[in-house]
Amino acid sequence: MAKSLDKKHREKVEQQKTRLIQAGGGAKPKLSVEYLLVLTLIYLRQSLTFQVLGLLFQVSESTANNIFNYWLKILEDGLPPSL
């Protein structure tokens, strides 16, 4: 389900922007979609700092923050409000 929500979000964003770099260019992600979602869920459940999450997942503090904010928006848009 997370992969389909991510795919829909990326397609929506892709339609709204003008590309400066060809699709597929740039750095490849270090973490799989599952790990990105786990990082988000750990933050929501445990309220660890982004610095600690960065250490756990071997990414920078700002990357952990960006991952959280990205997935929070996707989860808010893709899940029913009752959850």
C-alpha atoms as a PDB file:
ATOM      1  CA  MET A   1       0.000   0.000   0.000  1.00  0.00           C
ATOM      2  CA  ALA A   2       2.831   2.400   0.859  1.00  0.00           C
ATOM      3  CA  LYS A   3       4.477   1.827  -2.516  1.00  0.00           C
ATOM      4  CA  SER A   4       1.240   2.594  -4.375  1.00  0.00           C
ATOM      5  CA  LEU A   5       0.695   5.776  -2.320  1.00  0.00           C
ATOM      6  CA  ASP A   6       4.273   6.830  -3.044  1.00  0.00           C
ATOM      7  CA  LYS A   7       3.859   6.119  -6.762  1.00  0.00           C
ATOM      8  CA  LYS A   8       0.613   8.129  -6.961  1.00  0.00           C
ATOM      9  CA  HIS A   9       2.203  11.050  -5.128  1.00  0.00           C
ATOM     10  CA  ARG A  10       5.264  11.040  -7.387  1.00  0.00           C
ATOM     11  CA  GLU A  11       3.082  10.935 -10.518  1.00  0.00           C
ATOM     12  CA  LYS A  12       1.026  13.864  -9.243  1.00  0.00           C
ATOM     13  CA  VAL A  13       4.152  15.912  -8.507  1.00  0.00           C
ATOM     14  CA  GLU A  14       5.689  14.954 -11.854  1.00  0.00           C
ATOM     15  CA  GLN A  15       2.699  16.335 -13.769  1.00  0.00           C
ATOM     16  CA  GLN A  16       2.903  19.696 -11.999  1.00  0.00           C
ATOM     17  CA  LYS A  17       6.533  20.599 -12.567  1.00  0.00           C
ATOM     18  CA  THR A  18       8.950  21.500 -15.306  1.00  0.00           C
ATOM     19  CA  ARG A  19      12.013  19.261 -15.336  1.00  0.00           C
ATOM     20  CA  LEU A  20      15.507  20.699 -15.185  1.00  0.00           C
ATOM     21  CA  ILE A  21      17.128  17.280 -14.789  1.00  0.00           C
ATOM     22  CA  GLN A  22      16.090  14.232 -16.766  1.00  0.00           C
ATOM     23  CA  ALA A  23      13.898  11.695 -14.967  1.00  0.00           C
ATOM     24  CA  GLY A  24      16.072   9.133 -13.208  1.00  0.00           C
ATOM     25  CA  GLY A  25      18.957  11.561 -12.845  1.00  0.00           C
ATOM     26  CA  GLY A  26      20.429  12.511  -9.500  1.00  0.00           C
ATOM     27  CA  ALA A  27      21.431  10.455  -6.512  1.00  0.00           C
ATOM     28  CA  LYS A  28      19.764   7.117  -5.882  1.00  0.00           C
ATOM     29  CA  PRO A  29      17.972   6.714  -2.540  1.00  0.00           C
ATOM     30  CA  LYS A  30      19.928   4.960   0.213  1.00  0.00           C
ATOM     31  CA  LEU A  31      16.855   3.446   1.856  1.00  0.00           C
ATOM     32  CA  SER A  32      14.028   1.325   0.469  1.00  0.00           C
ATOM     33  CA  VAL A  33      10.424   2.477   0.647  1.00  0.00           C
ATOM     34  CA  GLU A  34       9.856   0.111   3.574  1.00  0.00           C
ATOM     35  CA  TYR A  35      12.660   1.699   5.614  1.00  0.00           C
ATOM     36  CA  LEU A  36      11.411   5.196   4.806  1.00  0.00           C
ATOM     37  CA  LEU A  37       7.982   4.277   6.087  1.00  0.00           C
ATOM     38  CA  VAL A  38       9.460   2.619   9.193  1.00  0.00           C
ATOM     39  CA  LEU A  39      11.447   5.782   9.944  1.00  0.00           C
ATOM     40  CA  THR A  40       8.218   7.799   9.785  1.00  0.00           C
ATOM     41  CA  LEU A  41       6.283   5.377  11.964  1.00  0.00           C
ATOM     42  CA  ILE A  42       9.068   5.218  14.566  1.00  0.00           C
ATOM     43  CA  TYR A  43       9.075   9.001  14.807  1.00  0.00           C
ATOM     44  CA  LEU A  44       5.301   9.099  15.249  1.00  0.00           C
ATOM     45  CA  ARG A  45       5.284   6.349  17.877  1.00  0.00           C
ATOM     46  CA  GLN A  46       8.508   6.961  19.818  1.00  0.00           C
ATOM     47  CA  SER A  47       9.099  10.705  19.265  1.00  0.00           C
ATOM     48  CA  LEU A  48      12.826  10.195  18.794  1.00  0.00           C
ATOM     49  CA  THR A  49      14.798  13.180  17.551  1.00  0.00           C
ATOM     50  CA  PHE A  50      15.735  13.359  13.893  1.00  0.00           C
ATOM     51  CA  GLN A  51      19.348  13.203  14.954  1.00  0.00           C
ATOM     52  CA  VAL A  52      18.775   9.786  16.584  1.00  0.00           C
ATOM     53  CA  LEU A  53      16.720   8.576  13.611  1.00  0.00           C
ATOM     54  CA  GLY A  54      19.526   9.686  11.310  1.00  0.00           C
ATOM     55  CA  LEU A  55      21.993   7.612  13.304  1.00  0.00           C
ATOM     56  CA  LEU A  56      19.697   4.568  13.316  1.00  0.00           C
ATOM     57  CA  PHE A  57      19.088   4.695   9.560  1.00  0.00           C
ATOM     58  CA  GLN A  58      22.538   6.038   8.606  1.00  0.00           C
ATOM     59  CA  VAL A  59      21.268   9.260   7.044  1.00  0.00           C
ATOM     60  CA  SER A  60      21.730  12.890   8.054  1.00  0.00           C
ATOM     61  CA  GLU A  61      19.440  14.668  10.487  1.00  0.00           C
ATOM     62  CA  SER A  62      17.989  16.839   7.716  1.00  0.00           C
ATOM     63  CA  THR A  63      17.401  13.795   5.486  1.00  0.00           C
ATOM     64  CA  ALA A  64      15.512  12.079   8.318  1.00  0.00           C
ATOM     65  CA  ASN A  65      13.409  15.227   8.710  1.00  0.00           C
ATOM     66  CA  ASN A  66      12.723  15.407   4.957  1.00  0.00           C
ATOM     67  CA  ILE A  67      11.761  11.721   4.834  1.00  0.00           C
ATOM     68  CA  PHE A  68       9.350  12.171   7.743  1.00  0.00           C
ATOM     69  CA  ASN A  69       7.657  15.230   6.250  1.00  0.00           C
ATOM     70  CA  TYR A  70       7.376  13.598   2.814  1.00  0.00           C
ATOM     71  CA  TRP A  71       5.773  10.401   4.153  1.00  0.00           C
ATOM     72  CA  LEU A  72       3.537  12.226   6.640  1.00  0.00           C
ATOM     73  CA  LYS A  73       1.904  14.117   3.773  1.00  0.00           C
ATOM     74  CA  ILE A  74       1.455  10.926   1.753  1.00  0.00           C
ATOM     75  CA  LEU A  75      -0.082   9.110   4.720  1.00  0.00           C
ATOM     76  CA  GLU A  76      -2.408  12.010   5.499  1.00  0.00           C
ATOM     77  CA  ASP A  77      -3.602  12.137   1.890  1.00  0.00           C
ATOM     78  CA  GLY A  78      -3.818   8.375   1.353  1.00  0.00           C
ATOM     79  CA  LEU A  79      -5.309   7.046   4.581  1.00  0.00           C
ATOM     80  CA  PRO A  80      -8.828   7.610   5.892  1.00  0.00           C
ATOM     81  CA  PRO A  81      -9.128  10.156   8.724  1.00  0.00           C
ATOM     82  CA  SER A  82     -10.392   7.498  11.145  1.00  0.00           C
ATOM     83  CA  LEU A  83      -6.910   5.999  11.364  1.00  0.00           C
END
